[in-house]
């Protein structure tokens, strides 16, 4: 979730906000009481923050000044945050503890790995695939990330390319000069795992297509393409974020839409029960202590407020294209944030005022 720049304020139903951090981000199990501290005269918080990173806290390698002001409000004199804070990012090319160390050095207080949700973190729930032989694509510590998510039998694109060199034919310099014998001892691939954008798109796309069209046996041919094909688990479909480059863009589908969709899920879970709403085969989640999720859009990321004088009349204007996942039905109302503020510091002040906490 890295394109717009967004903050989510999450409310708990009751008691200390110890379990909400993981539950709010779609992860299972109790969250330890680490990462925040409550003063002796302060009642335990019943709310917390899910903070996007790119466009909210940093722009590329530069910390946004408002983020430093926000953490001066959030962090006490002992260097601990006063309310639960979870950092959410579409980044997937780094290990969870590595991202925590990076954030700690940027903001000057300790961020625990449990406070970091990467784009592929929810794949921990897909336990029915953890024992399958999966082709993994992306960049960075791919194998380490896959294993940290629970996948025990992974094959990288480079390993597959070395086993079947004739499949990687786009780069002329890497084409084999002779035709090697086709291997028949390579174990079948049972699924594809996309942990982010690869460096060599053409190689990953070619080999992934070969795996899907051969039903997991690259180098062989089938009379017809298999359908349904092997499962593809994809994280981070959004390739738009705000770094140093000043390019015009806006994709509300990944951030605001997702936050509002989570709020909608919470309301459904309260009415119908969490267990009945889980996808088939996913781990059953314990009932959530989270009550609501308010999306707060900041203007330091991709989003730019529209000038009322330049807005075209609604009549005759085409609807914006839908960039969401095919499994999501498009609901225009979910693209509207609960609040729009200038920066993350204003967002923190807004939530503190609404929750009756001292600034």
Protein backbone atom coordinates (compact mmCIF):
# COMPACT_ATOMS: atom_id res chain seq x y z
CA UNK A 1 0.00 0.00 0.00
CA UNK A 2 2.38 2.65 -1.09
CA UNK A 3 0.89 4.87 -3.72
CA UNK A 4 -1.27 7.59 -2.20
CA UNK A 5 0.07 8.20 1.22
CA UNK A 6 -2.46 7.14 3.82
CA UNK A 7 -2.95 6.57 7.51
CA UNK A 8 -5.49 4.31 9.12
CA UNK A 9 -6.80 4.87 12.61
CA UNK A 10 -8.05 1.57 14.00
CA UNK A 11 -10.40 1.36 16.99
CA UNK A 12 -10.52 -1.55 19.40
CA UNK A 13 -13.69 -2.77 21.02
CA UNK A 14 -12.44 -3.04 24.55
CA UNK A 15 -9.41 -3.17 26.82
CA UNK A 16 -5.74 -2.66 25.92
CA UNK A 17 -4.88 -2.59 22.25
CA UNK A 18 -2.54 -5.60 22.50
CA UNK A 19 -4.04 -7.86 19.85
CA UNK A 20 -5.14 -5.29 17.33
CA UNK A 21 -1.87 -4.61 15.52
CA UNK A 22 -1.67 -7.97 13.80
CA UNK A 23 -5.40 -8.49 13.48
CA UNK A 24 -5.85 -5.13 11.81
CA UNK A 25 -3.31 -5.99 9.15
CA UNK A 26 -4.90 -9.35 8.45
CA UNK A 27 -2.37 -11.43 10.39
CA UNK A 28 -3.27 -14.08 12.90
CA UNK A 29 -2.45 -14.39 16.55
CA UNK A 30 -1.95 -12.13 19.54
CA UNK A 31 0.46 -9.25 19.20
CA UNK A 32 2.83 -8.95 22.15
CA UNK A 33 2.67 -5.80 24.23
CA UNK A 34 5.95 -4.59 22.77
CA UNK A 35 6.25 -1.48 20.67
CA UNK A 36 4.23 0.90 22.85
CA UNK A 37 4.06 1.99 26.47
CA UNK A 38 1.28 3.58 28.51
CA UNK A 39 2.02 6.05 31.28
CA UNK A 40 0.88 5.26 34.80
CA UNK A 41 -1.71 8.04 34.72
CA UNK A 42 -2.88 7.18 31.20
CA UNK A 43 -5.60 4.67 30.45
CA UNK A 44 -4.67 1.99 27.89
CA UNK A 45 -5.36 3.14 24.31
CA UNK A 46 -8.35 1.75 22.45
CA UNK A 47 -7.02 2.93 19.10
CA UNK A 48 -3.87 2.67 17.01
CA UNK A 49 -2.32 3.62 13.70
CA UNK A 50 -1.46 1.77 10.51
CA UNK A 51 1.03 4.08 8.82
CA UNK A 52 1.96 3.89 5.18
CA UNK A 53 5.63 4.69 4.64
CA UNK A 54 6.26 6.06 1.13
CA UNK A 55 4.66 9.46 0.69
CA UNK A 56 3.60 9.63 4.35
CA UNK A 57 6.79 9.26 6.36
CA UNK A 58 9.48 9.41 3.67
CA UNK A 59 10.00 10.54 0.10
CA UNK A 60 12.59 8.17 -1.27
CA UNK A 61 15.51 8.45 1.15
CA UNK A 62 14.34 11.72 2.70
CA UNK A 63 12.25 11.83 5.87
CA UNK A 64 9.22 14.11 5.54
CA UNK A 65 9.53 16.80 8.27
CA UNK A 66 5.91 16.34 9.34
CA UNK A 67 6.71 12.71 10.19
CA UNK A 68 9.32 13.82 12.72
CA UNK A 69 6.75 16.14 14.29
CA UNK A 70 4.19 13.32 14.38
CA UNK A 71 6.58 10.98 16.19
CA UNK A 72 7.39 13.68 18.74
CA UNK A 73 3.72 13.42 19.69
CA UNK A 74 3.61 9.64 19.47
CA UNK A 75 6.85 8.81 21.31
CA UNK A 76 7.35 9.36 25.04
CA UNK A 77 10.52 10.51 26.81
CA UNK A 78 11.72 6.88 27.07
CA UNK A 79 11.61 6.46 23.28
CA UNK A 80 8.48 4.29 23.23
CA UNK A 81 5.34 5.01 21.22
CA UNK A 82 2.34 5.89 23.37
CA UNK A 83 -0.19 4.00 21.25
CA UNK A 84 0.21 0.98 18.95
CA UNK A 85 1.76 1.85 15.60
CA UNK A 86 2.14 -0.55 12.67
CA UNK A 87 4.06 0.36 9.52
CA UNK A 88 2.48 -0.89 6.30
CA UNK A 89 4.24 -0.88 2.95
CA UNK A 90 4.06 -2.41 -0.50
CA UNK A 91 7.78 -3.03 -0.27
CA UNK A 92 8.56 -6.72 -0.54
CA UNK A 93 12.23 -6.77 -1.48
CA UNK A 94 13.54 -6.59 2.08
CA UNK A 95 13.32 -8.79 5.16
CA UNK A 96 10.89 -7.77 7.88
CA UNK A 97 13.61 -7.22 10.49
CA UNK A 98 15.66 -5.27 7.93
CA UNK A 99 12.79 -2.85 7.35
CA UNK A 100 12.35 -2.48 11.11
CA UNK A 101 16.03 -1.58 11.49
CA UNK A 102 15.76 0.92 8.63
CA UNK A 103 12.76 2.64 10.23
CA UNK A 104 14.46 2.65 13.64
CA UNK A 105 17.47 4.48 12.24
CA UNK A 106 15.31 6.98 10.35
CA UNK A 107 13.06 7.98 13.25
CA UNK A 108 15.26 7.44 16.29
CA UNK A 109 13.20 4.92 18.27
CA UNK A 110 13.09 1.14 18.24
CA UNK A 111 10.69 -0.42 15.73
CA UNK A 112 10.09 -4.12 16.29
CA UNK A 113 9.80 -6.47 13.28
CA UNK A 114 6.27 -7.32 14.45
CA UNK A 115 5.35 -3.68 13.79
CA UNK A 116 6.20 -3.98 10.08
CA UNK A 117 3.73 -5.37 7.54
CA UNK A 118 5.25 -5.95 4.10
CA UNK A 119 3.18 -6.44 0.95
CA UNK A 120 3.52 -10.22 1.13
CA UNK A 121 3.04 -10.62 4.91
CA UNK A 122 -0.59 -11.86 4.52
CA UNK A 123 0.74 -14.88 2.61
CA UNK A 124 1.53 -16.38 6.02
CA UNK A 125 -2.17 -17.25 6.09
CA UNK A 126 -2.01 -19.37 2.92
CA UNK A 127 -0.88 -22.48 4.73
CA UNK A 128 -2.37 -24.84 2.15
CA UNK A 129 0.43 -23.77 -0.25
CA UNK A 130 3.33 -23.73 2.21
CA UNK A 131 4.37 -27.32 1.46
CA UNK A 132 3.97 -27.07 -2.33
CA UNK A 133 6.84 -26.56 -4.77
CA UNK A 134 6.50 -22.89 -5.69
CA UNK A 135 8.25 -20.80 -8.34
CA UNK A 136 9.13 -17.49 -6.67
CA UNK A 137 9.66 -14.24 -8.58
CA UNK A 138 10.76 -10.80 -7.39
CA UNK A 139 14.00 -9.30 -6.12
CA UNK A 140 15.95 -9.03 -2.91
CA UNK A 141 16.15 -11.93 -0.41
CA UNK A 142 13.50 -13.98 -2.19
CA UNK A 143 14.19 -17.37 -0.65
CA UNK A 144 14.55 -15.95 2.87
CA UNK A 145 11.30 -14.01 2.56
CA UNK A 146 9.45 -17.01 1.15
CA UNK A 147 10.64 -19.23 3.98
CA UNK A 148 9.78 -16.58 6.58
CA UNK A 149 6.24 -16.66 5.17
CA UNK A 150 6.10 -20.43 5.62
CA UNK A 151 6.93 -21.68 2.11
CA UNK A 152 9.29 -24.62 2.52
CA UNK A 153 9.91 -25.71 -1.10
CA UNK A 154 10.69 -22.83 -3.45
CA UNK A 155 12.43 -22.55 -6.82
CA UNK A 156 13.75 -19.20 -8.02
CA UNK A 157 13.42 -17.97 -11.60
CA UNK A 158 17.20 -18.12 -11.97
CA UNK A 159 17.25 -21.76 -10.86
CA UNK A 160 14.51 -22.58 -13.36
CA UNK A 161 16.34 -20.69 -16.13
CA UNK A 162 19.53 -22.65 -15.45
CA UNK A 163 17.60 -25.93 -15.62
CA UNK A 164 15.83 -24.93 -18.87
CA UNK A 165 18.09 -22.39 -20.65
CA UNK A 166 16.20 -22.56 -23.95
CA UNK A 167 13.15 -20.97 -22.31
CA UNK A 168 14.91 -17.64 -21.70
CA UNK A 169 15.28 -16.36 -25.26
CA UNK A 170 14.64 -12.59 -25.14
CA UNK A 171 18.15 -11.45 -24.22
CA UNK A 172 20.29 -12.36 -27.25
CA UNK A 173 23.46 -12.44 -25.17
CA UNK A 174 22.03 -15.05 -22.85
CA UNK A 175 20.67 -17.36 -25.53
CA UNK A 176 22.42 -20.74 -25.47
CA UNK A 177 24.82 -21.26 -28.35
CA UNK A 178 23.95 -24.95 -28.53
CA UNK A 179 20.71 -26.79 -27.89
CA UNK A 180 20.98 -28.62 -24.57
CA UNK A 181 19.09 -31.81 -23.87
CA UNK A 182 15.71 -31.27 -22.23
CA UNK A 183 15.61 -32.36 -18.61
CA UNK A 184 13.05 -34.86 -17.43
CA UNK A 185 14.19 -35.08 -13.81
CA UNK A 186 13.04 -31.63 -12.71
CA UNK A 187 10.24 -31.93 -10.10
CA UNK A 188 6.95 -30.40 -11.19
CA UNK A 189 6.15 -26.89 -10.00
CA UNK A 190 2.84 -26.63 -8.15
CA UNK A 191 2.29 -22.88 -7.98
CA UNK A 192 3.74 -19.42 -8.57
CA UNK A 193 4.65 -16.93 -5.86
CA UNK A 194 5.05 -13.26 -6.85
CA UNK A 195 6.75 -11.31 -4.05
CA UNK A 196 7.18 -8.07 -5.99
CA UNK A 197 8.54 -6.70 -9.22
CA UNK A 198 11.51 -8.56 -10.75
CA UNK A 199 14.57 -6.91 -12.27
CA UNK A 200 14.36 -8.85 -15.54
CA UNK A 201 10.68 -8.66 -16.37
CA UNK A 202 11.05 -10.51 -19.67
CA UNK A 203 12.68 -13.55 -18.09
CA UNK A 204 10.20 -13.83 -15.23
CA UNK A 205 7.19 -13.36 -17.49
CA UNK A 206 8.44 -15.89 -20.02
CA UNK A 207 9.23 -18.60 -17.49
CA UNK A 208 6.05 -18.03 -15.47
CA UNK A 209 3.99 -18.39 -18.65
CA UNK A 210 5.88 -21.55 -19.55
CA UNK A 211 5.16 -22.99 -16.11
CA UNK A 212 1.46 -22.16 -16.33
CA UNK A 213 1.03 -23.42 -19.90
CA UNK A 214 2.85 -26.66 -19.14
CA UNK A 215 0.97 -27.27 -15.89
CA UNK A 216 4.18 -27.04 -13.90
CA UNK A 217 6.40 -29.06 -16.22
CA UNK A 218 8.40 -26.49 -18.25
CA UNK A 219 10.04 -27.83 -21.37
CA UNK A 220 7.07 -30.03 -22.20
CA UNK A 221 4.13 -29.20 -24.41
CA UNK A 222 0.41 -29.68 -23.85
CA UNK A 223 -2.23 -29.90 -26.56
CA UNK A 224 -4.40 -27.35 -24.79
CA UNK A 225 -3.68 -24.81 -22.10
CA UNK A 226 -4.71 -26.17 -18.68
CA UNK A 227 -7.64 -24.50 -17.01
CA UNK A 228 -7.88 -23.80 -14.22
CA UNK A 229 -4.14 -23.22 -14.26
CA UNK A 230 -1.76 -23.56 -11.34
CA UNK A 231 -2.38 -21.12 -8.46
CA UNK A 232 -0.63 -17.76 -8.65
CA UNK A 233 -0.18 -15.93 -5.34
CA UNK A 234 0.55 -12.30 -6.16
CA UNK A 235 1.40 -9.51 -3.73
CA UNK A 236 1.83 -5.82 -4.48
CA UNK A 237 -0.07 -5.32 -7.71
CA UNK A 238 0.42 -1.57 -7.40
CA UNK A 239 3.59 -0.24 -9.04
CA UNK A 240 2.90 3.42 -8.24
CA UNK A 241 4.45 5.20 -5.27
CA UNK A 242 5.81 8.60 -4.33
CA UNK A 243 9.59 8.87 -4.08
CA UNK A 244 11.85 11.73 -5.20
CA UNK A 245 10.56 11.89 -8.79
CA UNK A 246 7.86 14.52 -9.34
CA UNK A 247 5.70 12.71 -11.84
CA UNK A 248 1.94 13.35 -11.93
CA UNK A 249 -0.12 10.28 -10.99
CA UNK A 250 -3.03 9.11 -8.63
CA UNK A 251 -4.19 5.57 -7.91
CA UNK A 252 -6.69 5.50 -5.04
CA UNK A 253 -7.33 1.81 -5.58
CA UNK A 254 -4.48 0.46 -3.50
CA UNK A 255 -4.59 2.54 -0.33
CA UNK A 256 -7.84 4.30 0.48
CA UNK A 257 -9.90 1.60 -1.19
CA UNK A 258 -8.10 -1.11 0.77
CA UNK A 259 -8.49 0.69 4.09
CA UNK A 260 -12.19 1.26 3.53
CA UNK A 261 -12.62 -2.31 2.36
CA UNK A 262 -11.08 -3.49 5.63
CA UNK A 263 -13.54 -1.30 7.55
CA UNK A 264 -16.37 -2.85 5.55
CA UNK A 265 -15.04 -6.30 6.40
CA UNK A 266 -15.00 -5.44 10.11
CA UNK A 267 -18.64 -4.44 9.98
CA UNK A 268 -19.55 -7.67 8.18
CA UNK A 269 -17.53 -9.70 10.69
CA UNK A 270 -19.44 -8.16 13.58
CA UNK A 271 -22.75 -9.10 11.95
CA UNK A 272 -21.89 -12.53 10.57
CA UNK A 273 -18.83 -13.81 12.43
CA UNK A 274 -15.19 -13.77 11.29
CA UNK A 275 -14.90 -17.51 10.66
CA UNK A 276 -17.66 -17.50 8.04
CA UNK A 277 -15.97 -14.76 6.03
CA UNK A 278 -12.55 -16.37 5.61
CA UNK A 279 -11.46 -17.55 2.16
CA UNK A 280 -11.60 -21.30 1.61
CA UNK A 281 -8.55 -23.05 3.00
CA UNK A 282 -7.15 -20.08 4.93
CA UNK A 283 -6.33 -20.34 8.59
CA UNK A 284 -9.31 -19.56 10.79
CA UNK A 285 -8.82 -16.25 12.54
CA UNK A 286 -9.90 -15.61 16.10
CA UNK A 287 -12.61 -12.95 16.50
CA UNK A 288 -11.12 -9.51 16.01
CA UNK A 289 -11.01 -6.95 18.81
CA UNK A 290 -11.00 -4.25 16.13
CA UNK A 291 -14.18 -2.24 15.78
CA UNK A 292 -13.53 0.19 12.95
CA UNK A 293 -10.94 1.48 10.50
CA UNK A 294 -10.88 5.14 9.44
CA UNK A 295 -8.84 6.06 6.37
CA UNK A 296 -6.94 9.36 6.48
CA UNK A 297 -5.50 10.60 3.20
CA UNK A 298 -2.47 12.91 3.37
CA UNK A 299 -1.29 15.29 0.67
CA UNK A 300 2.44 14.54 0.87
CA UNK A 301 2.22 11.49 -1.39
CA UNK A 302 0.79 10.90 -4.85
CA UNK A 303 -2.54 12.54 -4.05
CA UNK A 304 -3.08 16.15 -5.03
CA UNK A 305 -6.26 18.06 -4.12
CA UNK A 306 -8.26 19.14 -7.13
CA UNK A 307 -8.72 22.82 -7.86
CA UNK A 308 -12.49 23.48 -7.84
CA UNK A 309 -12.09 25.96 -10.69
CA UNK A 310 -10.54 23.34 -12.97
CA UNK A 311 -12.81 20.39 -12.13
CA UNK A 312 -14.87 19.37 -15.13
CA UNK A 313 -18.63 19.10 -14.75
CA UNK A 314 -19.85 15.60 -13.97
CA UNK A 315 -22.07 15.49 -17.04
CA UNK A 316 -20.39 13.68 -19.92
CA UNK A 317 -17.31 12.78 -17.88
CA UNK A 318 -16.15 9.18 -18.08
CA UNK A 319 -15.87 7.09 -14.94
CA UNK A 320 -12.26 6.52 -13.82
CA UNK A 321 -10.86 3.11 -14.78
CA UNK A 322 -10.97 0.37 -12.15
CA UNK A 323 -7.45 -0.70 -11.17
CA UNK A 324 -8.42 -3.01 -8.34
CA UNK A 325 -8.18 -6.77 -8.09
CA UNK A 326 -10.57 -8.76 -10.24
CA UNK A 327 -11.99 -10.37 -7.09
CA UNK A 328 -13.10 -6.97 -5.76
CA UNK A 329 -16.33 -5.53 -7.00
CA UNK A 330 -15.92 -1.83 -7.74
CA UNK A 331 -17.63 0.46 -5.24
CA UNK A 332 -16.92 4.17 -5.88
CA UNK A 333 -17.77 5.03 -2.28
CA UNK A 334 -14.79 3.02 -1.05
CA UNK A 335 -12.44 5.40 -2.86
CA UNK A 336 -13.46 8.28 -0.57
CA UNK A 337 -11.25 8.66 2.54
CA UNK A 338 -12.76 9.32 5.94
CA UNK A 339 -10.57 12.43 6.25
CA UNK A 340 -8.11 14.43 4.12
CA UNK A 341 -5.29 16.30 5.86
CA UNK A 342 -2.08 17.99 4.78
CA UNK A 343 0.39 15.59 6.39
CA UNK A 344 0.90 12.82 8.93
CA UNK A 345 1.35 15.23 11.83
CA UNK A 346 -2.09 16.71 11.17
CA UNK A 347 -3.46 13.17 10.95
CA UNK A 348 -2.06 12.23 14.37
CA UNK A 349 -3.44 15.44 15.89
CA UNK A 350 -6.84 14.71 14.33
CA UNK A 351 -7.00 11.21 15.81
CA UNK A 352 -5.74 12.33 19.23
CA UNK A 353 -8.44 15.02 19.39
CA UNK A 354 -11.15 12.57 18.40
CA UNK A 355 -9.94 10.04 20.97
CA UNK A 356 -9.54 12.63 23.74
CA UNK A 357 -5.78 12.18 24.04
CA UNK A 358 -3.43 15.00 24.92
CA UNK A 359 -1.42 16.40 22.02
